[in-house]
PDB file of N, CA and C in Angstrom:
ATOM      1  N   MET A   1       1.115 -15.497 -32.373  1.00  0.00           N
ATOM      2  CA  MET A   1       0.309 -15.173 -31.234  1.00  0.00           C
ATOM      3  C   MET A   1      -0.941 -16.166 -31.259  1.00  0.00           C
ATOM      4  N   TRP A   2      -1.198 -16.888 -32.543  1.00  0.00           N
ATOM      5  CA  TRP A   2      -2.247 -17.917 -32.555  1.00  0.00           C
ATOM      6  C   TRP A   2      -1.951 -19.166 -31.815  1.00  0.00           C
ATOM      7  N   GLY A   3      -0.544 -19.309 -31.805  1.00  0.00           N
ATOM      8  CA  GLY A   3      -0.185 -20.602 -31.080  1.00  0.00           C
ATOM      9  C   GLY A   3      -0.035 -20.639 -29.631  1.00  0.00           C
ATOM     10  N   LEU A   4      -0.453 -19.614 -29.066  1.00  0.00           N
ATOM     11  CA  LEU A   4      -0.415 -19.504 -27.583  1.00  0.00           C
ATOM     12  C   LEU A   4      -1.631 -20.162 -26.955  1.00  0.00           C
ATOM     13  N   SER A   5      -1.525 -20.818 -25.743  1.00  0.00           N
ATOM     14  CA  SER A   5      -2.556 -21.365 -24.888  1.00  0.00           C
ATOM     15  C   SER A   5      -3.306 -20.174 -24.348  1.00  0.00           C
ATOM     16  N   HIS A   6      -4.306 -20.613 -23.806  1.00  0.00           N
ATOM     17  CA  HIS A   6      -5.233 -19.412 -23.209  1.00  0.00           C
ATOM     18  C   HIS A   6      -4.494 -18.962 -22.028  1.00  0.00           C
ATOM     19  N   ARG A   7      -3.859 -19.565 -21.412  1.00  0.00           N
ATOM     20  CA  ARG A   7      -3.021 -19.022 -20.157  1.00  0.00           C
ATOM     21  C   ARG A   7      -1.876 -18.205 -20.651  1.00  0.00           C
ATOM     22  N   GLU A   8      -1.186 -18.502 -21.535  1.00  0.00           N
ATOM     23  CA  GLU A   8      -0.120 -17.720 -22.022  1.00  0.00           C
ATOM     24  C   GLU A   8      -0.677 -16.457 -22.764  1.00  0.00           C
ATOM     25  N   LEU A   9      -1.856 -16.436 -23.503  1.00  0.00           N
ATOM     26  CA  LEU A   9      -2.459 -15.153 -24.128  1.00  0.00           C
ATOM     27  C   LEU A   9      -2.833 -14.256 -22.919  1.00  0.00           C
ATOM     28  N   PHE A  10      -3.535 -14.810 -21.894  1.00  0.00           N
ATOM     29  CA  PHE A  10      -4.009 -13.887 -20.829  1.00  0.00           C
ATOM     30  C   PHE A  10      -2.957 -13.228 -20.135  1.00  0.00           C
ATOM     31  N   ARG A  11      -1.700 -14.091 -19.905  1.00  0.00           N
ATOM     32  CA  ARG A  11      -0.557 -13.479 -19.253  1.00  0.00           C
ATOM     33  C   ARG A  11       0.011 -12.443 -20.118  1.00  0.00           C
ATOM     34  N   ARG A  12       0.028 -12.620 -21.349  1.00  0.00           N
ATOM     35  CA  ARG A  12       0.760 -11.554 -22.167  1.00  0.00           C
ATOM     36  C   ARG A  12      -0.343 -10.535 -22.325  1.00  0.00           C
ATOM     37  N   LEU A  13      -1.618 -10.467 -22.354  1.00  0.00           N
ATOM     38  CA  LEU A  13      -2.642  -9.452 -22.171  1.00  0.00           C
ATOM     39  C   LEU A  13      -2.382  -8.685 -20.779  1.00  0.00           C
ATOM     40  N   ALA A  14      -2.221  -9.399 -20.025  1.00  0.00           N
ATOM     41  CA  ALA A  14      -2.157  -8.693 -18.455  1.00  0.00           C
ATOM     42  C   ALA A  14      -0.911  -7.933 -18.318  1.00  0.00           C
ATOM     43  N   ALA A  15       0.269  -8.468 -19.100  1.00  0.00           N
ATOM     44  CA  ALA A  15       1.350  -7.925 -18.922  1.00  0.00           C
ATOM     45  C   ALA A  15       1.297  -6.493 -19.814  1.00  0.00           C
ATOM     46  N   TRP A  16       0.530  -6.630 -21.001  1.00  0.00           N
ATOM     47  CA  TRP A  16       0.480  -5.561 -21.868  1.00  0.00           C
ATOM     48  C   TRP A  16      -0.495  -4.384 -21.041  1.00  0.00           C
ATOM     49  N   ALA A  17      -1.404  -4.895 -20.316  1.00  0.00           N
ATOM     50  CA  ALA A  17      -2.278  -3.799 -19.615  1.00  0.00           C
ATOM     51  C   ALA A  17      -1.513  -3.116 -18.581  1.00  0.00           C
ATOM     52  N   GLU A  18      -0.613  -3.936 -17.843  1.00  0.00           N
ATOM     53  CA  GLU A  18       0.198  -3.354 -16.966  1.00  0.00           C
ATOM     54  C   GLU A  18       1.214  -2.470 -17.257  1.00  0.00           C
ATOM     55  N   SER A  19       1.667  -2.619 -18.433  1.00  0.00           N
ATOM     56  CA  SER A  19       2.600  -1.777 -19.083  1.00  0.00           C
ATOM     57  C   SER A  19       2.025  -0.415 -19.545  1.00  0.00           C
ATOM     58  N   LYS A  20       0.910  -0.477 -20.081  1.00  0.00           N
ATOM     59  CA  LYS A  20       0.075   0.478 -20.477  1.00  0.00           C
ATOM     60  C   LYS A  20      -0.328   1.594 -18.961  1.00  0.00           C
ATOM     61  N   ARG A  21      -0.746   0.866 -18.203  1.00  0.00           N
ATOM     62  CA  ARG A  21      -1.149   1.688 -16.928  1.00  0.00           C
ATOM     63  C   ARG A  21       0.108   2.271 -16.303  1.00  0.00           C
ATOM     64  N   ALA A  22       1.373   1.649 -16.336  1.00  0.00           N
ATOM     65  CA  ALA A  22       2.575   2.263 -15.699  1.00  0.00           C
ATOM     66  C   ALA A  22       2.956   3.369 -16.789  1.00  0.00           C
ATOM     67  N   GLU A  23       2.827   3.175 -18.032  1.00  0.00           N
ATOM     68  CA  GLU A  23       3.099   4.218 -19.113  1.00  0.00           C
ATOM     69  C   GLU A  23       2.323   5.442 -18.751  1.00  0.00           C
ATOM     70  N   HIS A  24       0.895   5.159 -18.622  1.00  0.00           N
ATOM     71  CA  HIS A  24      -0.067   6.065 -18.180  1.00  0.00           C
ATOM     72  C   HIS A  24       0.409   7.226 -17.092  1.00  0.00           C
ATOM     73  N   ASN A  25       0.608   6.399 -15.952  1.00  0.00           N
ATOM     74  CA  ASN A  25       0.869   7.042 -14.625  1.00  0.00           C
ATOM     75  C   ASN A  25       2.258   7.720 -14.754  1.00  0.00           C
ATOM     76  N   ARG A  26       3.413   7.187 -15.429  1.00  0.00           N
ATOM     77  CA  ARG A  26       4.702   7.844 -15.790  1.00  0.00           C
ATOM     78  C   ARG A  26       4.418   9.216 -16.493  1.00  0.00           C
ATOM     79  N   ASP A  27       3.695   9.351 -17.498  1.00  0.00           N
ATOM     80  CA  ASP A  27       3.324  10.365 -18.144  1.00  0.00           C
ATOM     81  C   ASP A  27       2.485  11.561 -17.398  1.00  0.00           C
ATOM     82  N   MET A  28       1.430  10.779 -16.671  1.00  0.00           N
ATOM     83  CA  MET A  28       0.652  11.925 -15.742  1.00  0.00           C
ATOM     84  C   MET A  28       1.562  12.575 -14.704  1.00  0.00           C
ATOM     85  N   THR A  29       2.337  11.693 -14.003  1.00  0.00           N
ATOM     86  CA  THR A  29       3.337  12.202 -13.103  1.00  0.00           C
ATOM     87  C   THR A  29       4.185  13.295 -13.774  1.00  0.00           C
ATOM     88  N   LEU A  30       4.856  13.081 -14.893  1.00  0.00           N
ATOM     89  CA  LEU A  30       5.741  14.033 -15.563  1.00  0.00           C
ATOM     90  C   LEU A  30       4.907  15.304 -15.800  1.00  0.00           C
ATOM     91  N   ALA A  31       3.710  15.159 -16.462  1.00  0.00           N
ATOM     92  CA  ALA A  31       2.869  16.419 -16.698  1.00  0.00           C
ATOM     93  C   ALA A  31       2.423  17.178 -15.490  1.00  0.00           C
ATOM     94  N   TRP A  32       2.091  16.383 -14.437  1.00  0.00           N
ATOM     95  CA  TRP A  32       1.743  17.007 -13.155  1.00  0.00           C
ATOM     96  C   TRP A  32       3.005  17.790 -12.522  1.00  0.00           C
ATOM     97  N   GLN A  33       4.135  17.186 -12.691  1.00  0.00           N
ATOM     98  CA  GLN A  33       5.137  17.623 -12.154  1.00  0.00           C
ATOM     99  C   GLN A  33       5.707  19.120 -12.772  1.00  0.00           C
ATOM    100  N   MET A  34       5.598  19.029 -14.189  1.00  0.00           N
ATOM    101  CA  MET A  34       5.770  20.063 -15.104  1.00  0.00           C
ATOM    102  C   MET A  34       4.977  21.353 -14.867  1.00  0.00           C
ATOM    103  N   ALA A  35       3.538  20.993 -14.706  1.00  0.00           N
ATOM    104  CA  ALA A  35       2.523  22.024 -14.336  1.00  0.00           C
ATOM    105  C   ALA A  35       2.897  22.698 -12.905  1.00  0.00           C
ATOM    106  N   ASN A  36       3.240  21.887 -11.926  1.00  0.00           N
ATOM    107  CA  ASN A  36       3.704  22.197 -10.642  1.00  0.00           C
ATOM    108  C   ASN A  36       4.774  23.131 -10.641  1.00  0.00           C
ATOM    109  N   LEU A  37       5.866  22.963 -11.544  1.00  0.00           N
ATOM    110  CA  LEU A  37       6.988  23.732 -11.499  1.00  0.00           C
ATOM    111  C   LEU A  37       6.711  24.999 -12.319  1.00  0.00           C
ATOM    112  N   SER A  38       5.695  25.097 -13.122  1.00  0.00           N
ATOM    113  CA  SER A  38       5.405  26.345 -13.820  1.00  0.00           C
ATOM    114  C   SER A  38       4.527  27.115 -13.030  1.00  0.00           C
ATOM    115  N   ASN A  39       4.209  26.832 -11.692  1.00  0.00           N
ATOM    116  CA  ASN A  39       3.461  27.675 -10.778  1.00  0.00           C
ATOM    117  C   ASN A  39       2.097  27.808 -11.176  1.00  0.00           C
ATOM    118  N   ALA A  40       1.264  26.769 -11.542  1.00  0.00           N
ATOM    119  CA  ALA A  40       0.065  26.695 -12.068  1.00  0.00           C
ATOM    120  C   ALA A  40      -0.837  26.973 -10.827  1.00  0.00           C
ATOM    121  N   LYS A  41      -1.973  27.709 -10.931  1.00  0.00           N
ATOM    122  CA  LYS A  41      -2.579  28.177  -9.853  1.00  0.00           C
ATOM    123  C   LYS A  41      -3.380  27.075  -9.150  1.00  0.00           C
ATOM    124  N   LYS A  42      -4.106  26.081  -9.979  1.00  0.00           N
ATOM    125  CA  LYS A  42      -4.710  25.085  -9.242  1.00  0.00           C
ATOM    126  C   LYS A  42      -4.492  23.713  -9.943  1.00  0.00           C
ATOM    127  N   LEU A  43      -3.971  22.795  -9.348  1.00  0.00           N
ATOM    128  CA  LEU A  43      -3.830  21.522  -9.903  1.00  0.00           C
ATOM    129  C   LEU A  43      -4.687  20.459  -9.064  1.00  0.00           C
ATOM    130  N   PRO A  44      -4.979  19.404  -9.861  1.00  0.00           N
ATOM    131  CA  PRO A  44      -5.550  18.327  -9.192  1.00  0.00           C
ATOM    132  C   PRO A  44      -4.522  17.477  -8.567  1.00  0.00           C
ATOM    133  N   ALA A  45      -4.910  16.682  -7.274  1.00  0.00           N
ATOM    134  CA  ALA A  45      -4.037  15.937  -6.492  1.00  0.00           C
ATOM    135  C   ALA A  45      -3.540  14.757  -7.528  1.00  0.00           C
ATOM    136  N   LEU A  46      -2.389  14.589  -7.609  1.00  0.00           N
ATOM    137  CA  LEU A  46      -1.543  13.541  -8.423  1.00  0.00           C
ATOM    138  C   LEU A  46      -2.256  12.199  -8.437  1.00  0.00           C
ATOM    139  N   ASP A  47      -2.765  11.712  -7.203  1.00  0.00           N
ATOM    140  CA  ASP A  47      -3.259  10.466  -7.151  1.00  0.00           C
ATOM    141  C   ASP A  47      -4.719  10.364  -7.741  1.00  0.00           C
ATOM    142  N   ARG A  48      -5.207  11.340  -8.138  1.00  0.00           N
ATOM    143  CA  ARG A  48      -6.561  11.558  -8.797  1.00  0.00           C
ATOM    144  C   ARG A  48      -6.433  11.313 -10.431  1.00  0.00           C
ATOM    145  N   LEU A  49      -5.057  11.427 -10.875  1.00  0.00           N
ATOM    146  CA  LEU A  49      -4.716  11.312 -12.127  1.00  0.00           C
ATOM    147  C   LEU A  49      -4.098   9.950 -12.562  1.00  0.00           C
ATOM    148  N   LEU A  50      -3.882   9.360 -11.406  1.00  0.00           N
ATOM    149  CA  LEU A  50      -3.161   7.961 -11.704  1.00  0.00           C
ATOM    150  C   LEU A  50      -4.194   6.863 -12.010  1.00  0.00           C
ATOM    151  N   VAL A  51      -3.765   5.877 -12.611  1.00  0.00           N
ATOM    152  CA  VAL A  51      -4.744   4.753 -12.876  1.00  0.00           C
ATOM    153  C   VAL A  51      -4.363   3.700 -11.835  1.00  0.00           C
ATOM    154  N   LYS A  52      -5.201   3.261 -11.038  1.00  0.00           N
ATOM    155  CA  LYS A  52      -4.880   2.031  -9.894  1.00  0.00           C
ATOM    156  C   LYS A  52      -5.082   0.778 -10.504  1.00  0.00           C
ATOM    157  N   PRO A  53      -4.055  -0.137 -10.174  1.00  0.00           N
ATOM    158  CA  PRO A  53      -4.287  -1.602 -10.619  1.00  0.00           C
ATOM    159  C   PRO A  53      -5.483  -2.135 -10.267  1.00  0.00           C
ATOM    160  N   ALA A  54      -5.892  -2.982 -11.362  1.00  0.00           N
ATOM    161  CA  ALA A  54      -7.258  -3.544 -11.106  1.00  0.00           C
ATOM    162  C   ALA A  54      -7.133  -4.695  -9.943  1.00  0.00           C
ATOM    163  N   SER A  55      -8.125  -4.729  -9.169  1.00  0.00           N
ATOM    164  CA  SER A  55      -7.966  -5.843  -8.083  1.00  0.00           C
ATOM    165  C   SER A  55      -8.097  -7.208  -8.718  1.00  0.00           C
ATOM    166  N   GLU A  56      -7.342  -8.220  -8.202  1.00  0.00           N
ATOM    167  CA  GLU A  56      -7.427  -9.354  -8.584  1.00  0.00           C
ATOM    168  C   GLU A  56      -8.391 -10.221  -8.161  1.00  0.00           C
ATOM    169  N   HIS A  57      -9.305 -10.618  -8.786  1.00  0.00           N
ATOM    170  CA  HIS A  57     -10.464 -11.452  -8.189  1.00  0.00           C
ATOM    171  C   HIS A  57     -10.467 -12.691  -8.905  1.00  0.00           C
ATOM    172  N   THR A  58     -10.354 -13.938  -8.356  1.00  0.00           N
ATOM    173  CA  THR A  58     -10.311 -15.046  -8.942  1.00  0.00           C
ATOM    174  C   THR A  58     -11.889 -15.620  -8.665  1.00  0.00           C
ATOM    175  N   GLN A  59     -12.570 -15.941  -9.970  1.00  0.00           N
ATOM    176  CA  GLN A  59     -13.946 -16.603  -9.950  1.00  0.00           C
ATOM    177  C   GLN A  59     -14.038 -17.822  -9.163  1.00  0.00           C
ATOM    178  N   SER A  60     -14.883 -18.033  -8.532  1.00  0.00           N
ATOM    179  CA  SER A  60     -15.392 -19.295  -7.930  1.00  0.00           C
ATOM    180  C   SER A  60     -15.874 -20.125  -9.105  1.00  0.00           C
ATOM    181  N   PHE A  61     -15.950 -21.392  -8.744  1.00  0.00           N
ATOM    182  CA  PHE A  61     -16.560 -22.307  -9.750  1.00  0.00           C
ATOM    183  C   PHE A  61     -17.855 -21.937 -10.160  1.00  0.00           C
ATOM    184  N   SER A  62     -18.806 -21.633  -9.052  1.00  0.00           N
ATOM    185  CA  SER A  62     -20.157 -21.266  -9.374  1.00  0.00           C
ATOM    186  C   SER A  62     -20.147 -19.925 -10.243  1.00  0.00           C
ATOM    187  N   GLU A  63     -19.389 -18.960 -10.325  1.00  0.00           N
ATOM    188  CA  GLU A  63     -19.200 -17.838 -11.009  1.00  0.00           C
ATOM    189  C   GLU A  63     -18.711 -18.112 -12.443  1.00  0.00           C
ATOM    190  N   GLN A  64     -17.777 -19.043 -12.487  1.00  0.00           N
ATOM    191  CA  GLN A  64     -17.452 -19.483 -13.702  1.00  0.00           C
ATOM    192  C   GLN A  64     -18.458 -20.298 -14.406  1.00  0.00           C
ATOM    193  N   ARG A  65     -19.194 -21.135 -13.858  1.00  0.00           N
ATOM    194  CA  ARG A  65     -20.386 -21.815 -14.489  1.00  0.00           C
ATOM    195  C   ARG A  65     -21.539 -20.963 -14.881  1.00  0.00           C
ATOM    196  N   SER A  66     -21.972 -19.904 -14.194  1.00  0.00           N
ATOM    197  CA  SER A  66     -22.838 -18.914 -14.509  1.00  0.00           C
ATOM    198  C   SER A  66     -22.436 -18.036 -15.468  1.00  0.00           C
ATOM    199  N   MET A  67     -21.240 -17.811 -15.797  1.00  0.00           N
ATOM    200  CA  MET A  67     -20.533 -17.018 -16.907  1.00  0.00           C
ATOM    201  C   MET A  67     -20.722 -17.947 -18.154  1.00  0.00           C
ATOM    202  N   LEU A  68     -20.379 -19.140 -17.891  1.00  0.00           N
ATOM    203  CA  LEU A  68     -20.346 -20.191 -19.183  1.00  0.00           C
ATOM    204  C   LEU A  68     -21.703 -20.325 -19.723  1.00  0.00           C
ATOM    205  N   THR A  69     -22.793 -20.376 -18.599  1.00  0.00           N
ATOM    206  CA  THR A  69     -24.013 -20.567 -19.023  1.00  0.00           C
ATOM    207  C   THR A  69     -24.616 -19.455 -19.839  1.00  0.00           C
ATOM    208  N   ALA A  70     -24.250 -18.115 -19.325  1.00  0.00           N
ATOM    209  CA  ALA A  70     -24.862 -16.927 -19.964  1.00  0.00           C
ATOM    210  C   ALA A  70     -24.144 -16.865 -21.290  1.00  0.00           C
ATOM    211  N   LEU A  71     -23.041 -16.933 -21.579  1.00  0.00           N
ATOM    212  CA  LEU A  71     -22.299 -17.017 -22.800  1.00  0.00           C
ATOM    213  C   LEU A  71     -22.836 -18.031 -23.769  1.00  0.00           C
ATOM    214  N   SER A  72     -23.196 -19.258 -23.328  1.00  0.00           N
ATOM    215  CA  SER A  72     -23.610 -20.271 -24.238  1.00  0.00           C
ATOM    216  C   SER A  72     -25.124 -19.889 -24.535  1.00  0.00           C
ATOM    217  N   LYS A  73     -25.868 -19.354 -23.729  1.00  0.00           N
ATOM    218  CA  LYS A  73     -27.310 -18.737 -24.039  1.00  0.00           C
ATOM    219  C   LYS A  73     -27.199 -17.733 -25.176  1.00  0.00           C
ATOM    220  N   ARG A  74     -26.211 -16.880 -25.074  1.00  0.00           N
ATOM    221  CA  ARG A  74     -26.046 -15.673 -25.898  1.00  0.00           C
ATOM    222  C   ARG A  74     -25.495 -16.030 -27.236  1.00  0.00           C
ATOM    223  N   TYR A  75     -24.549 -17.054 -27.366  1.00  0.00           N
ATOM    224  CA  TYR A  75     -24.113 -17.271 -28.754  1.00  0.00           C
ATOM    225  C   TYR A  75     -24.573 -18.702 -29.224  1.00  0.00           C
ATOM    226  N   GLY A  76     -25.498 -19.510 -28.485  1.00  0.00           N
ATOM    227  CA  GLY A  76     -26.022 -20.611 -29.060  1.00  0.00           C
ATOM    228  C   GLY A  76     -25.117 -21.879 -28.703  1.00  0.00           C
ATOM    229  N   GLY A  77     -24.148 -21.861 -27.690  1.00  0.00           N
ATOM    230  CA  GLY A  77     -23.397 -22.849 -27.368  1.00  0.00           C
ATOM    231  C   GLY A  77     -24.027 -23.831 -26.607  1.00  0.00           C
ATOM    232  N   ARG A  78     -23.297 -24.959 -26.095  1.00  0.00           N
ATOM    233  CA  ARG A  78     -23.994 -25.859 -25.384  1.00  0.00           C
ATOM    234  C   ARG A  78     -22.908 -26.147 -24.230  1.00  0.00           C
ATOM    235  N   VAL A  79     -23.482 -26.258 -23.016  1.00  0.00           N
ATOM    236  CA  VAL A  79     -22.416 -26.615 -21.893  1.00  0.00           C
ATOM    237  C   VAL A  79     -22.613 -28.051 -21.752  1.00  0.00           C
ATOM    238  N   ARG A  80     -21.394 -28.889 -21.522  1.00  0.00           N
ATOM    239  CA  ARG A  80     -21.291 -30.172 -21.405  1.00  0.00           C
ATOM    240  C   ARG A  80     -20.558 -30.407 -20.144  1.00  0.00           C
ATOM    241  N   ARG A  81     -20.595 -31.342 -19.435  1.00  0.00           N
ATOM    242  CA  ARG A  81     -19.991 -31.807 -18.329  1.00  0.00           C
ATOM    243  C   ARG A  81     -18.799 -32.681 -18.833  1.00  0.00           C
ATOM    244  N   MET A  82     -17.596 -32.222 -18.243  1.00  0.00           N
ATOM    245  CA  MET A  82     -16.418 -33.100 -18.575  1.00  0.00           C
ATOM    246  C   MET A  82     -16.069 -33.984 -17.391  1.00  0.00           C
ATOM    247  N   ALA A  83     -15.488 -35.098 -17.898  1.00  0.00           N
ATOM    248  CA  ALA A  83     -15.099 -36.139 -16.924  1.00  0.00           C
ATOM    249  C   ALA A  83     -13.719 -35.538 -16.420  1.00  0.00           C
ATOM    250  N   LEU A  84     -13.546 -35.595 -14.896  1.00  0.00           N
ATOM    251  CA  LEU A  84     -12.243 -35.458 -14.463  1.00  0.00           C
ATOM    252  C   LEU A  84     -11.439 -36.376 -14.403  1.00  0.00           C
ATOM    253  N   ASN A  85     -10.043 -36.309 -14.530  1.00  0.00           N
ATOM    254  CA  ASN A  85      -9.105 -37.462 -14.447  1.00  0.00           C
ATOM    255  C   ASN A  85      -8.820 -37.793 -12.954  1.00  0.00           C
ATOM    256  N   GLY A  86      -8.659 -38.903 -12.693  1.00  0.00           N
ATOM    257  CA  GLY A  86      -8.272 -39.406 -11.420  1.00  0.00           C
ATOM    258  C   GLY A  86      -9.333 -40.037 -10.740  1.00  0.00           C
TER     259      GLY A  86
END
């Protein structure tokens, strides 16, 4: 795990989070169906029990820059300009 690049690490974390969401939704659906079959008097709507996937939001450069600045202030780091290739 320590030998992974940031991109690989975040991809693995995203895959793990998606598998946990799917596992939760599968379990909730099964529990809801079992309660429904046992003629429970009042059940919440199934869609209220399921976890919705997080919306994919790509940060703009200015959002990334402001987050980096806030983190550097918080942890005492220094923000440097990097030369772009090309």
